[in-house]
Amino acid sequence: MHRKNAPDRPGNAESHSKIDVLEQIIRQMEATAAQLKRFVEAEEVRTKIGDLSNPTYSIYAKAARERADKLAASLSKLKLELEVARGQNLSATVASALVSAPLDF
């Protein structure tokens, strides 16, 4: 299904919009990851226990670490998706330039 005002080839405003959205989500997730890291560090300082194998390790720090690990995995996937979107956008831009370039024989 085509949108009424969207160009028929990739590399249009939708591609740029997807890239912008992905960049924004990545920035927000990186900020959240940094907050989680600071929280874990503060909790380890507060409890004076930084060893995960210690049975008295903070459950809050452990939960934050687990969340940070899941967030890092999601960030990796999103960054890969962003690179793919950028590559598609670049390919479409090059293809569009080649199509619109005058031919000299």
N, C-alpha and C. Protein backbone atom coordinates (compact mmCIF):
# COMPACT_ATOMS: atom_id res chain seq x y z
N MET A 1 0.84 -1.18 0.00
CA MET A 1 0.00 0.00 0.00
C MET A 1 0.88 1.24 0.00
N HIS A 2 0.67 2.11 -0.97
CA HIS A 2 1.45 3.33 -1.07
C HIS A 2 0.75 4.48 -0.36
N ARG A 3 1.57 5.29 0.28
CA ARG A 3 1.02 6.52 0.84
C ARG A 3 0.88 7.51 -0.29
N LYS A 4 -0.09 8.37 -0.15
CA LYS A 4 -0.42 9.29 -1.23
C LYS A 4 0.75 10.19 -1.64
N ASN A 5 1.46 10.76 -0.67
CA ASN A 5 2.48 11.75 -0.99
C ASN A 5 3.91 11.20 -0.93
N ALA A 6 4.08 9.91 -0.70
CA ALA A 6 5.42 9.35 -0.59
C ALA A 6 5.97 9.01 -1.97
N PRO A 7 7.24 9.32 -2.20
CA PRO A 7 7.86 8.92 -3.46
C PRO A 7 7.88 7.41 -3.57
N ASP A 8 7.98 6.89 -4.80
CA ASP A 8 7.92 5.46 -5.03
C ASP A 8 9.23 4.74 -4.77
N ARG A 9 10.31 5.44 -4.52
CA ARG A 9 11.57 4.76 -4.31
C ARG A 9 12.08 5.00 -2.89
N PRO A 10 12.94 4.06 -2.41
CA PRO A 10 13.49 4.23 -1.07
C PRO A 10 14.39 5.46 -1.02
N GLY A 11 14.71 5.87 0.23
CA GLY A 11 15.56 7.04 0.38
C GLY A 11 14.74 8.30 0.50
N ASN A 12 13.45 8.15 0.63
CA ASN A 12 12.56 9.30 0.75
C ASN A 12 12.52 9.79 2.20
N ALA A 13 11.58 10.64 2.49
CA ALA A 13 11.45 11.20 3.84
C ALA A 13 11.19 10.13 4.88
N GLU A 14 10.53 9.04 4.49
CA GLU A 14 10.27 7.96 5.44
C GLU A 14 11.58 7.34 5.93
N SER A 15 12.55 7.20 5.04
CA SER A 15 13.85 6.65 5.43
C SER A 15 14.55 7.56 6.41
N HIS A 16 14.52 8.86 6.11
CA HIS A 16 15.13 9.83 7.02
C HIS A 16 14.41 9.83 8.36
N SER A 17 13.10 9.72 8.33
CA SER A 17 12.31 9.69 9.55
C SER A 17 12.67 8.47 10.39
N LYS A 18 12.81 7.32 9.76
CA LYS A 18 13.18 6.10 10.48
C LYS A 18 14.55 6.26 11.11
N ILE A 19 15.48 6.83 10.37
CA ILE A 19 16.82 7.06 10.90
C ILE A 19 16.77 8.00 12.10
N ASP A 20 16.00 9.08 11.97
CA ASP A 20 15.86 10.04 13.08
C ASP A 20 15.27 9.38 14.31
N VAL A 21 14.24 8.57 14.12
CA VAL A 21 13.59 7.89 15.25
C VAL A 21 14.56 6.92 15.91
N LEU A 22 15.27 6.14 15.11
CA LEU A 22 16.24 5.19 15.66
C LEU A 22 17.33 5.92 16.44
N GLU A 23 17.81 7.02 15.90
CA GLU A 23 18.85 7.79 16.60
C GLU A 23 18.34 8.31 17.94
N GLN A 24 17.11 8.78 17.96
CA GLN A 24 16.52 9.30 19.19
C GLN A 24 16.35 8.17 20.22
N ILE A 25 15.85 7.04 19.79
CA ILE A 25 15.66 5.91 20.70
C ILE A 25 17.00 5.46 21.26
N ILE A 26 18.00 5.39 20.41
CA ILE A 26 19.34 4.97 20.85
C ILE A 26 19.89 5.94 21.89
N ARG A 27 19.74 7.25 21.64
CA ARG A 27 20.21 8.25 22.61
C ARG A 27 19.52 8.07 23.96
N GLN A 28 18.21 7.86 23.94
CA GLN A 28 17.45 7.68 25.18
C GLN A 28 17.88 6.41 25.91
N MET A 29 18.09 5.34 25.16
CA MET A 29 18.49 4.09 25.78
C MET A 29 19.91 4.18 26.34
N GLU A 30 20.80 4.90 25.65
CA GLU A 30 22.15 5.09 26.17
C GLU A 30 22.13 5.90 27.46
N ALA A 31 21.25 6.89 27.53
CA ALA A 31 21.12 7.68 28.76
C ALA A 31 20.61 6.81 29.90
N THR A 32 19.64 5.95 29.60
CA THR A 32 19.11 5.05 30.61
C THR A 32 20.19 4.08 31.08
N ALA A 33 20.98 3.56 30.14
CA ALA A 33 22.07 2.64 30.49
C ALA A 33 23.08 3.33 31.41
N ALA A 34 23.39 4.58 31.13
CA ALA A 34 24.32 5.33 31.97
C ALA A 34 23.75 5.54 33.37
N GLN A 35 22.46 5.81 33.45
CA GLN A 35 21.80 5.96 34.75
C GLN A 35 21.86 4.66 35.55
N LEU A 36 21.60 3.55 34.86
CA LEU A 36 21.66 2.25 35.53
C LEU A 36 23.07 1.96 36.04
N LYS A 37 24.06 2.28 35.24
CA LYS A 37 25.45 2.06 35.65
C LYS A 37 25.78 2.88 36.90
N ARG A 38 25.37 4.14 36.88
CA ARG A 38 25.62 5.00 38.05
C ARG A 38 24.90 4.46 39.29
N PHE A 39 23.67 3.97 39.09
CA PHE A 39 22.92 3.41 40.21
C PHE A 39 23.63 2.20 40.80
N VAL A 40 24.09 1.30 39.93
CA VAL A 40 24.79 0.09 40.40
C VAL A 40 26.05 0.49 41.17
N GLU A 41 26.81 1.41 40.62
CA GLU A 41 28.03 1.86 41.29
C GLU A 41 27.72 2.46 42.66
N ALA A 42 26.70 3.29 42.73
CA ALA A 42 26.32 3.92 44.00
C ALA A 42 25.85 2.87 45.00
N GLU A 43 25.10 1.90 44.54
CA GLU A 43 24.58 0.84 45.41
C GLU A 43 25.73 -0.02 45.94
N GLU A 44 26.70 -0.29 45.09
CA GLU A 44 27.86 -1.07 45.54
C GLU A 44 28.69 -0.30 46.56
N VAL A 45 28.81 1.00 46.36
CA VAL A 45 29.52 1.83 47.34
C VAL A 45 28.74 1.87 48.65
N ARG A 46 27.43 2.04 48.54
CA ARG A 46 26.58 2.12 49.74
C ARG A 46 26.65 0.84 50.57
N THR A 47 26.58 -0.31 49.88
CA THR A 47 26.58 -1.59 50.60
C THR A 47 27.99 -2.12 50.86
N LYS A 48 28.98 -1.50 50.20
CA LYS A 48 30.38 -1.94 50.30
C LYS A 48 30.56 -3.37 49.82
N ILE A 49 29.70 -3.78 48.88
CA ILE A 49 29.78 -5.11 48.28
C ILE A 49 29.69 -4.96 46.76
N GLY A 50 30.77 -5.31 46.09
CA GLY A 50 30.80 -5.21 44.64
C GLY A 50 30.92 -6.55 43.94
N ASP A 51 30.96 -7.61 44.73
CA ASP A 51 31.13 -8.96 44.19
C ASP A 51 29.76 -9.60 43.97
N LEU A 52 29.43 -9.84 42.69
CA LEU A 52 28.13 -10.45 42.35
C LEU A 52 27.93 -11.82 42.98
N SER A 53 29.01 -12.54 43.21
CA SER A 53 28.88 -13.88 43.77
C SER A 53 28.64 -13.87 45.28
N ASN A 54 28.79 -12.71 45.90
CA ASN A 54 28.54 -12.58 47.33
C ASN A 54 27.03 -12.72 47.58
N PRO A 55 26.63 -13.63 48.48
CA PRO A 55 25.19 -13.82 48.71
C PRO A 55 24.48 -12.58 49.27
N THR A 56 25.23 -11.66 49.81
CA THR A 56 24.61 -10.44 50.34
C THR A 56 24.68 -9.26 49.37
N TYR A 57 25.05 -9.55 48.11
CA TYR A 57 25.08 -8.51 47.09
C TYR A 57 23.68 -7.90 46.96
N SER A 58 23.61 -6.61 46.80
CA SER A 58 22.34 -5.88 46.73
C SER A 58 21.42 -6.41 45.63
N ILE A 59 20.20 -6.72 46.01
CA ILE A 59 19.24 -7.20 45.01
C ILE A 59 18.87 -6.06 44.05
N TYR A 60 18.94 -4.84 44.52
CA TYR A 60 18.65 -3.69 43.65
C TYR A 60 19.73 -3.54 42.59
N ALA A 61 21.00 -3.68 43.03
CA ALA A 61 22.11 -3.58 42.08
C ALA A 61 22.06 -4.74 41.09
N LYS A 62 21.71 -5.93 41.58
CA LYS A 62 21.63 -7.10 40.71
C LYS A 62 20.54 -6.90 39.65
N ALA A 63 19.38 -6.40 40.07
CA ALA A 63 18.28 -6.16 39.13
C ALA A 63 18.66 -5.09 38.12
N ALA A 64 19.34 -4.04 38.58
CA ALA A 64 19.77 -2.97 37.68
C ALA A 64 20.81 -3.49 36.68
N ARG A 65 21.71 -4.34 37.13
CA ARG A 65 22.70 -4.95 36.23
C ARG A 65 22.01 -5.78 35.15
N GLU A 66 21.05 -6.58 35.56
CA GLU A 66 20.31 -7.41 34.61
C GLU A 66 19.59 -6.54 33.58
N ARG A 67 18.98 -5.49 34.07
CA ARG A 67 18.28 -4.57 33.16
C ARG A 67 19.27 -3.91 32.20
N ALA A 68 20.42 -3.51 32.73
CA ALA A 68 21.45 -2.89 31.89
C ALA A 68 21.96 -3.86 30.82
N ASP A 69 22.09 -5.14 31.19
CA ASP A 69 22.53 -6.15 30.22
C ASP A 69 21.50 -6.32 29.10
N LYS A 70 20.24 -6.36 29.47
CA LYS A 70 19.17 -6.49 28.46
C LYS A 70 19.13 -5.24 27.58
N LEU A 71 19.32 -4.10 28.19
CA LEU A 71 19.33 -2.84 27.46
C LEU A 71 20.50 -2.80 26.47
N ALA A 72 21.66 -3.30 26.89
CA ALA A 72 22.83 -3.34 26.01
C ALA A 72 22.56 -4.23 24.80
N ALA A 73 21.89 -5.35 25.01
CA ALA A 73 21.55 -6.25 23.90
C ALA A 73 20.59 -5.55 22.93
N SER A 74 19.60 -4.87 23.48
CA SER A 74 18.65 -4.14 22.64
C SER A 74 19.34 -3.02 21.88
N LEU A 75 20.25 -2.32 22.54
CA LEU A 75 21.00 -1.24 21.89
C LEU A 75 21.82 -1.77 20.72
N SER A 76 22.43 -2.92 20.89
CA SER A 76 23.23 -3.50 19.80
C SER A 76 22.35 -3.78 18.58
N LYS A 77 21.16 -4.31 18.83
CA LYS A 77 20.25 -4.60 17.73
C LYS A 77 19.79 -3.32 17.04
N LEU A 78 19.47 -2.31 17.84
CA LEU A 78 19.01 -1.04 17.26
C LEU A 78 20.12 -0.35 16.47
N LYS A 79 21.34 -0.42 16.96
CA LYS A 79 22.46 0.20 16.25
C LYS A 79 22.70 -0.51 14.91
N LEU A 80 22.54 -1.82 14.90
CA LEU A 80 22.65 -2.56 13.65
C LEU A 80 21.53 -2.15 12.68
N GLU A 81 20.32 -2.04 13.22
CA GLU A 81 19.18 -1.61 12.39
C GLU A 81 19.41 -0.20 11.84
N LEU A 82 20.00 0.67 12.65
CA LEU A 82 20.31 2.03 12.21
C LEU A 82 21.32 2.01 11.07
N GLU A 83 22.35 1.21 11.19
CA GLU A 83 23.36 1.12 10.13
C GLU A 83 22.75 0.59 8.84
N VAL A 84 21.86 -0.39 8.95
CA VAL A 84 21.17 -0.91 7.77
C VAL A 84 20.33 0.19 7.13
N ALA A 85 19.59 0.94 7.94
CA ALA A 85 18.75 2.02 7.42
C ALA A 85 19.60 3.09 6.74
N ARG A 86 20.73 3.42 7.34
CA ARG A 86 21.63 4.41 6.73
C ARG A 86 22.17 3.89 5.40
N GLY A 87 22.52 2.61 5.36
CA GLY A 87 23.03 2.01 4.13
C GLY A 87 21.98 2.02 3.03
N GLN A 88 20.75 1.69 3.40
CA GLN A 88 19.66 1.71 2.42
C GLN A 88 19.42 3.13 1.91
N ASN A 89 19.48 4.08 2.81
CA ASN A 89 19.27 5.47 2.43
C ASN A 89 20.38 5.95 1.49
N LEU A 90 21.62 5.57 1.80
CA LEU A 90 22.74 5.95 0.95
C LEU A 90 22.60 5.30 -0.42
N SER A 91 22.25 4.01 -0.45
CA SER A 91 22.07 3.31 -1.73
C SER A 91 20.98 3.97 -2.56
N ALA A 92 19.89 4.34 -1.92
CA ALA A 92 18.79 4.98 -2.63
C ALA A 92 19.20 6.34 -3.15
N THR A 93 19.98 7.07 -2.38
CA THR A 93 20.45 8.39 -2.80
C THR A 93 21.37 8.27 -4.01
N VAL A 94 22.26 7.30 -3.97
CA VAL A 94 23.18 7.09 -5.09
C VAL A 94 22.39 6.66 -6.33
N ALA A 95 21.45 5.75 -6.16
CA ALA A 95 20.64 5.29 -7.28
C ALA A 95 19.85 6.44 -7.88
N SER A 96 19.29 7.27 -7.02
CA SER A 96 18.52 8.41 -7.50
C SER A 96 19.42 9.39 -8.27
N ALA A 97 20.63 9.59 -7.76
CA ALA A 97 21.57 10.49 -8.45
C ALA A 97 21.96 9.94 -9.82
N LEU A 98 22.14 8.63 -9.88
CA LEU A 98 22.51 8.01 -11.16
C LEU A 98 21.37 8.10 -12.17
N VAL A 99 20.14 7.92 -11.69
CA VAL A 99 18.98 8.00 -12.58
C VAL A 99 18.77 9.40 -13.10
N SER A 100 19.02 10.39 -12.26
CA SER A 100 18.76 11.78 -12.67
C SER A 100 19.97 12.43 -13.34
N ALA A 101 21.12 11.76 -13.35
CA ALA A 101 22.32 12.35 -13.96
C ALA A 101 22.19 12.31 -15.49
N PRO A 102 22.62 13.37 -16.14
CA PRO A 102 22.58 13.39 -17.61
C PRO A 102 23.62 12.41 -18.17
N LEU A 103 23.28 11.81 -19.29
CA LEU A 103 24.18 10.87 -19.94
C LEU A 103 24.98 11.60 -21.00
N ASP A 104 26.29 11.44 -20.95
CA ASP A 104 27.18 12.03 -21.96
C ASP A 104 27.74 10.91 -22.82
N PHE A 105 27.40 10.93 -24.11
CA PHE A 105 27.92 9.91 -25.03
C PHE A 105 28.90 10.52 -25.97
